[in-house]
Amino acid sequence: MSDNPITGEVSNSKLAAVFPARAPAQAAAADLVQQLGFQPAQVKVLTPDTADVDIKLEPEGGGIWRTIVLAHLKLCVVGAVAGGAIFAVMLLAGVPFVVNSPWTAGGWWVLYGAIGGLFLGGLVALRPDHDRYIQAARRAVAAGRSAVVVHALSMTQQQQAARFLAERGADVTRTL
C-alpha cells in the first residue's frame, strides 16, 4: 500500500525516465519487471503514438479524490490539535489575553490551526511534486522520444527504479 498516510493513492512515488527512442525504453521497462520484480501494471512505456498519455501518468482518478478528502480531513485535525497545543502552552505560560479569556483564546487558536491544516491539505491535494514528472513525460512524447513511467509502491522502490533506469541512460524525473 501507500507509504504516505495523508493521501488516498496507492502509488505516491512516481517517476518518468526519458529515453531517446522506443526500443531502449521498452527494453528497460521489460528489464525493470524481470530483474527488479516490479509488477507489469506498475511500469508503462509512453511513445509518441501512445493513446491516453494522461491516464498512464495518473491512473488513479478515484485515488486523487480520496487524496483531496483525506488530506483536508487529516491535516485539519492535525492543525486543530496544533492550535490547541499552542493555546495550552500560552495558558501555562500565563499570557494575559489567554488567561483572561481562555475559552475565546482557545477557540481561536484551535480554529486558526484547523484553517492552517486545511490550507496544507489543499497543497497536498494539488500534488505540486507531480508537475515536473508529468511535464517531463509529456515533453518527451511530444518531441518524439519515449518515456518509461513507474508507479512505485514506496520511496525505496522508486529509488531502485530511478537508479536502474539512470544506469541505462535515461533522464529520470521523480515525484517527492
C-alpha atoms as a PDB file:
ATOM      1  CA  MET A   1       0.000   0.000   0.000  1.00  0.00           C
ATOM      2  CA  SER A   2       0.970   3.664   0.154  1.00  0.00           C
ATOM      3  CA  ASP A   3       3.876   4.882   2.282  1.00  0.00           C
ATOM      4  CA  ASN A   4       2.143   8.241   2.798  1.00  0.00           C
ATOM      5  CA  PRO A   5      -0.803   8.144   5.237  1.00  0.00           C
ATOM      6  CA  ILE A   6      -2.103  11.558   4.130  1.00  0.00           C
ATOM      7  CA  THR A   7      -3.033  10.605   0.575  1.00  0.00           C
ATOM      8  CA  GLY A   8      -5.554   8.128  -0.786  1.00  0.00           C
ATOM      9  CA  GLU A   9      -3.475   6.898  -3.710  1.00  0.00           C
ATOM     10  CA  VAL A  10      -1.804   3.506  -3.922  1.00  0.00           C
ATOM     11  CA  SER A  11       1.292   4.946  -5.628  1.00  0.00           C
ATOM     12  CA  ASN A  12       2.588   8.233  -4.264  1.00  0.00           C
ATOM     13  CA  SER A  13       6.085   7.678  -5.636  1.00  0.00           C
ATOM     14  CA  LYS A  14       6.156   8.045  -9.400  1.00  0.00           C
ATOM     15  CA  LEU A  15       8.916   8.612 -11.927  1.00  0.00           C
ATOM     16  CA  ALA A  16       9.368   9.208 -15.620  1.00  0.00           C
ATOM     17  CA  ALA A  17      12.558   8.002 -17.327  1.00  0.00           C
ATOM     18  CA  VAL A  18      13.060   9.577 -20.758  1.00  0.00           C
ATOM     19  CA  PHE A  19      14.849   7.614 -23.482  1.00  0.00           C
ATOM     20  CA  PRO A  20      15.768   8.856 -26.964  1.00  0.00           C
ATOM     21  CA  ALA A  21      13.839   6.070 -28.720  1.00  0.00           C
ATOM     22  CA  ARG A  22      11.183   3.409 -28.252  1.00  0.00           C
ATOM     23  CA  ALA A  23      13.451   0.318 -28.279  1.00  0.00           C
ATOM     24  CA  PRO A  24      15.673   1.224 -25.304  1.00  0.00           C
ATOM     25  CA  ALA A  25      12.604   2.342 -23.329  1.00  0.00           C
ATOM     26  CA  GLN A  26      10.799  -0.945 -23.958  1.00  0.00           C
ATOM     27  CA  ALA A  27      13.920  -2.956 -23.113  1.00  0.00           C
ATOM     28  CA  ALA A  28      14.447  -1.002 -19.885  1.00  0.00           C
ATOM     29  CA  ALA A  29      10.796  -1.455 -18.880  1.00  0.00           C
ATOM     30  CA  ALA A  30      10.985  -5.210 -19.509  1.00  0.00           C
ATOM     31  CA  ASP A  31      14.240  -5.440 -17.535  1.00  0.00           C
ATOM     32  CA  LEU A  32      12.689  -3.479 -14.674  1.00  0.00           C
ATOM     33  CA  VAL A  33       9.893  -6.037 -14.414  1.00  0.00           C
ATOM     34  CA  GLN A  34      12.150  -9.071 -14.834  1.00  0.00           C
ATOM     35  CA  GLN A  35      15.168  -8.021 -12.793  1.00  0.00           C
ATOM     36  CA  LEU A  36      13.714  -5.867 -10.014  1.00  0.00           C
ATOM     37  CA  GLY A  37      10.377  -7.638  -9.654  1.00  0.00           C
ATOM     38  CA  PHE A  38       8.059  -4.730 -10.450  1.00  0.00           C
ATOM     39  CA  GLN A  39       4.546  -5.719 -11.468  1.00  0.00           C
ATOM     40  CA  PRO A  40       3.783  -5.078 -15.160  1.00  0.00           C
ATOM     41  CA  ALA A  41       0.912  -2.773 -14.129  1.00  0.00           C
ATOM     42  CA  GLN A  42       3.437  -0.517 -12.335  1.00  0.00           C
ATOM     43  CA  VAL A  43       5.551   0.079 -15.459  1.00  0.00           C
ATOM     44  CA  LYS A  44       4.259   1.813 -18.596  1.00  0.00           C
ATOM     45  CA  VAL A  45       6.070   2.822 -21.781  1.00  0.00           C
ATOM     46  CA  LEU A  46       4.921   6.054 -23.411  1.00  0.00           C
ATOM     47  CA  THR A  47       5.772   6.647 -27.053  1.00  0.00           C
ATOM     48  CA  PRO A  48       4.732   9.382 -29.494  1.00  0.00           C
ATOM     49  CA  ASP A  49       1.833   7.212 -30.676  1.00  0.00           C
ATOM     50  CA  THR A  50       0.594   6.242 -27.189  1.00  0.00           C
ATOM     51  CA  ALA A  51      -3.086   6.942 -26.608  1.00  0.00           C
ATOM     52  CA  ASP A  52      -4.263   8.229 -23.216  1.00  0.00           C
ATOM     53  CA  VAL A  53      -0.889   9.507 -22.015  1.00  0.00           C
ATOM     54  CA  ASP A  54      -2.508  11.368 -19.104  1.00  0.00           C
ATOM     55  CA  ILE A  55      -4.264   8.239 -17.832  1.00  0.00           C
ATOM     56  CA  LYS A  56      -0.991   6.317 -17.906  1.00  0.00           C
ATOM     57  CA  LEU A  57       0.723   9.117 -15.975  1.00  0.00           C
ATOM     58  CA  GLU A  58      -2.015   9.460 -13.325  1.00  0.00           C
ATOM     59  CA  PRO A  59      -4.180   6.315 -13.447  1.00  0.00           C
ATOM     60  CA  GLU A  60      -5.750   6.694 -10.006  1.00  0.00           C
ATOM     61  CA  GLY A  61      -8.673   9.045 -10.630  1.00  0.00           C
ATOM     62  CA  GLY A  62     -10.525   7.766  -7.555  1.00  0.00           C
ATOM     63  CA  GLY A  63      -7.323   7.903  -5.518  1.00  0.00           C
ATOM     64  CA  ILE A  64      -6.968  11.576  -6.305  1.00  0.00           C
ATOM     65  CA  TRP A  65     -10.433  12.291  -4.882  1.00  0.00           C
ATOM     66  CA  ARG A  66      -9.574  10.215  -1.800  1.00  0.00           C
ATOM     67  CA  THR A  67      -6.375  12.260  -1.507  1.00  0.00           C
ATOM     68  CA  ILE A  68      -8.335  15.513  -1.628  1.00  0.00           C
ATOM     69  CA  VAL A  69     -10.722  14.394   1.115  1.00  0.00           C
ATOM     70  CA  LEU A  70      -8.180  12.590   3.319  1.00  0.00           C
ATOM     71  CA  ALA A  71      -5.551  15.319   3.098  1.00  0.00           C
ATOM     72  CA  HIS A  72      -8.031  18.007   4.090  1.00  0.00           C
ATOM     73  CA  LEU A  73      -9.618  16.000   6.916  1.00  0.00           C
ATOM     74  CA  LYS A  74      -6.423  14.651   8.438  1.00  0.00           C
ATOM     75  CA  LEU A  75      -4.462  17.890   8.203  1.00  0.00           C
ATOM     76  CA  CYS A  76      -7.423  19.896   9.527  1.00  0.00           C
ATOM     77  CA  VAL A  77      -7.450  17.693  12.637  1.00  0.00           C
ATOM     78  CA  VAL A  78      -3.655  17.915  12.984  1.00  0.00           C
ATOM     79  CA  GLY A  79      -3.873  21.700  12.652  1.00  0.00           C
ATOM     80  CA  ALA A  80      -6.626  21.925  15.258  1.00  0.00           C
ATOM     81  CA  VAL A  81      -4.559  19.826  17.659  1.00  0.00           C
ATOM     82  CA  ALA A  82      -1.507  22.008  16.988  1.00  0.00           C
ATOM     83  CA  GLY A  83      -3.611  25.109  17.645  1.00  0.00           C
ATOM     84  CA  GLY A  84      -4.824  23.554  20.894  1.00  0.00           C
ATOM     85  CA  ALA A  85      -1.233  22.794  21.890  1.00  0.00           C
ATOM     86  CA  ILE A  86      -0.189  26.403  21.212  1.00  0.00           C
ATOM     87  CA  PHE A  87      -3.129  27.572  23.319  1.00  0.00           C
ATOM     88  CA  ALA A  88      -2.125  25.222  26.163  1.00  0.00           C
ATOM     89  CA  VAL A  89       1.471  26.472  26.121  1.00  0.00           C
ATOM     90  CA  MET A  90       0.290  30.077  26.177  1.00  0.00           C
ATOM     91  CA  LEU A  91      -2.146  29.329  29.003  1.00  0.00           C
ATOM     92  CA  LEU A  92       0.568  27.612  31.051  1.00  0.00           C
ATOM     93  CA  ALA A  93       2.955  30.486  30.318  1.00  0.00           C
ATOM     94  CA  GLY A  94       0.409  32.897  31.755  1.00  0.00           C
ATOM     95  CA  VAL A  95      -0.053  35.061  28.678  1.00  0.00           C
ATOM     96  CA  PRO A  96      -2.555  37.668  29.900  1.00  0.00           C
ATOM     97  CA  PHE A  97      -5.038  37.680  26.999  1.00  0.00           C
ATOM     98  CA  VAL A  98      -5.207  33.867  27.136  1.00  0.00           C
ATOM     99  CA  VAL A  99      -5.546  33.668  30.918  1.00  0.00           C
ATOM    100  CA  ASN A 100      -8.216  36.417  30.993  1.00  0.00           C
ATOM    101  CA  SER A 101     -10.336  34.817  28.289  1.00  0.00           C
ATOM    102  CA  PRO A 102      -9.367  31.133  27.954  1.00  0.00           C
ATOM    103  CA  TRP A 103     -12.476  29.921  26.087  1.00  0.00           C
ATOM    104  CA  THR A 104     -12.245  32.610  23.431  1.00  0.00           C
ATOM    105  CA  ALA A 105      -8.474  32.311  23.048  1.00  0.00           C
ATOM    106  CA  GLY A 106      -8.668  28.502  22.939  1.00  0.00           C
ATOM    107  CA  GLY A 107     -11.405  28.575  20.334  1.00  0.00           C
ATOM    108  CA  TRP A 108      -9.495  30.972  18.123  1.00  0.00           C
ATOM    109  CA  TRP A 109      -6.227  29.011  18.351  1.00  0.00           C
ATOM    110  CA  VAL A 110      -7.985  25.746  17.502  1.00  0.00           C
ATOM    111  CA  LEU A 111      -9.841  27.446  14.636  1.00  0.00           C
ATOM    112  CA  TYR A 112      -6.666  29.035  13.222  1.00  0.00           C
ATOM    113  CA  GLY A 113      -4.859  25.712  13.496  1.00  0.00           C
ATOM    114  CA  ALA A 114      -7.685  23.916  11.687  1.00  0.00           C
ATOM    115  CA  ILE A 115      -7.710  26.527   8.907  1.00  0.00           C
ATOM    116  CA  GLY A 116      -3.935  26.207   8.546  1.00  0.00           C
ATOM    117  CA  GLY A 117      -4.366  22.427   8.299  1.00  0.00           C
ATOM    118  CA  LEU A 118      -6.973  22.895   5.572  1.00  0.00           C
ATOM    119  CA  PHE A 119      -4.530  25.069   3.620  1.00  0.00           C
ATOM    120  CA  LEU A 120      -1.850  22.390   3.945  1.00  0.00           C
ATOM    121  CA  GLY A 121      -4.414  19.777   2.858  1.00  0.00           C
ATOM    122  CA  GLY A 122      -5.052  21.835  -0.263  1.00  0.00           C
ATOM    123  CA  LEU A 123      -1.341  21.947  -1.002  1.00  0.00           C
ATOM    124  CA  VAL A 124      -1.050  18.167  -0.636  1.00  0.00           C
ATOM    125  CA  ALA A 125      -4.128  17.663  -2.846  1.00  0.00           C
ATOM    126  CA  LEU A 126      -2.626  19.848  -5.580  1.00  0.00           C
ATOM    127  CA  ARG A 127       0.375  17.483  -5.721  1.00  0.00           C
ATOM    128  CA  PRO A 128       2.857  20.127  -6.914  1.00  0.00           C
ATOM    129  CA  ASP A 129       5.584  17.476  -6.932  1.00  0.00           C
ATOM    130  CA  HIS A 130       3.777  15.720  -9.809  1.00  0.00           C
ATOM    131  CA  ASP A 131       4.060  18.679 -12.203  1.00  0.00           C
ATOM    132  CA  ARG A 132       7.724  18.075 -13.085  1.00  0.00           C
ATOM    133  CA  TYR A 133       7.118  14.354 -13.556  1.00  0.00           C
ATOM    134  CA  ILE A 134       4.083  14.884 -15.807  1.00  0.00           C
ATOM    135  CA  GLN A 135       5.715  17.654 -17.845  1.00  0.00           C
ATOM    136  CA  ALA A 136       8.912  15.623 -18.397  1.00  0.00           C
ATOM    137  CA  ALA A 137       6.920  12.720 -19.814  1.00  0.00           C
ATOM    138  CA  ARG A 138       4.654  14.924 -21.946  1.00  0.00           C
ATOM    139  CA  ARG A 139       7.599  16.874 -23.384  1.00  0.00           C
ATOM    140  CA  ALA A 140       9.437  13.661 -24.230  1.00  0.00           C
ATOM    141  CA  VAL A 141       6.462  12.185 -26.080  1.00  0.00           C
ATOM    142  CA  ALA A 142       5.790  15.465 -27.896  1.00  0.00           C
ATOM    143  CA  ALA A 143       9.451  15.592 -29.005  1.00  0.00           C
ATOM    144  CA  GLY A 144       9.299  12.069 -30.454  1.00  0.00           C
ATOM    145  CA  ARG A 145      11.121  10.360 -27.596  1.00  0.00           C
ATOM    146  CA  SER A 146       9.837   7.639 -25.280  1.00  0.00           C
ATOM    147  CA  ALA A 147       9.369   7.510 -21.528  1.00  0.00           C
ATOM    148  CA  VAL A 148       9.152   4.700 -19.019  1.00  0.00           C
ATOM    149  CA  VAL A 149       6.667   5.625 -16.300  1.00  0.00           C
ATOM    150  CA  VAL A 150       6.955   3.794 -12.978  1.00  0.00           C
ATOM    151  CA  HIS A 151       4.278   3.821 -10.269  1.00  0.00           C
ATOM    152  CA  ALA A 152       6.317   2.680  -7.277  1.00  0.00           C
ATOM    153  CA  LEU A 153       4.651   1.489  -4.099  1.00  0.00           C
ATOM    154  CA  SER A 154       7.290   3.040  -1.818  1.00  0.00           C
ATOM    155  CA  MET A 155      10.115   5.553  -1.883  1.00  0.00           C
ATOM    156  CA  THR A 156      12.599   2.671  -1.715  1.00  0.00           C
ATOM    157  CA  GLN A 157      11.076   1.064  -4.781  1.00  0.00           C
ATOM    158  CA  GLN A 158      11.127   4.434  -6.569  1.00  0.00           C
ATOM    159  CA  GLN A 159      14.806   4.947  -5.743  1.00  0.00           C
ATOM    160  CA  GLN A 160      15.671   1.447  -7.010  1.00  0.00           C
ATOM    161  CA  ALA A 161      13.830   2.080 -10.274  1.00  0.00           C
ATOM    162  CA  ALA A 162      15.409   5.530 -10.702  1.00  0.00           C
ATOM    163  CA  ARG A 163      18.917   4.146 -10.198  1.00  0.00           C
ATOM    164  CA  PHE A 164      18.206   1.177 -12.515  1.00  0.00           C
ATOM    165  CA  LEU A 165      16.852   3.372 -15.326  1.00  0.00           C
ATOM    166  CA  ALA A 166      19.524   6.064 -14.957  1.00  0.00           C
ATOM    167  CA  GLU A 167      22.193   3.352 -15.365  1.00  0.00           C
ATOM    168  CA  ARG A 168      20.589   2.600 -18.736  1.00  0.00           C
ATOM    169  CA  GLY A 169      20.990   6.200 -19.898  1.00  0.00           C
ATOM    170  CA  ALA A 170      17.568   7.603 -19.040  1.00  0.00           C
ATOM    171  CA  ASP A 171      16.920  11.130 -17.852  1.00  0.00           C
ATOM    172  CA  VAL A 172      14.871  10.446 -14.700  1.00  0.00           C
ATOM    173  CA  THR A 173      12.345  12.820 -13.117  1.00  0.00           C
ATOM    174  CA  ARG A 174      10.763  11.748  -9.810  1.00  0.00           C
ATOM    175  CA  THR A 175       7.958  12.903  -7.562  1.00  0.00           C
ATOM    176  CA  LEU A 176       8.786  13.612  -3.920  1.00  0.00           C
END
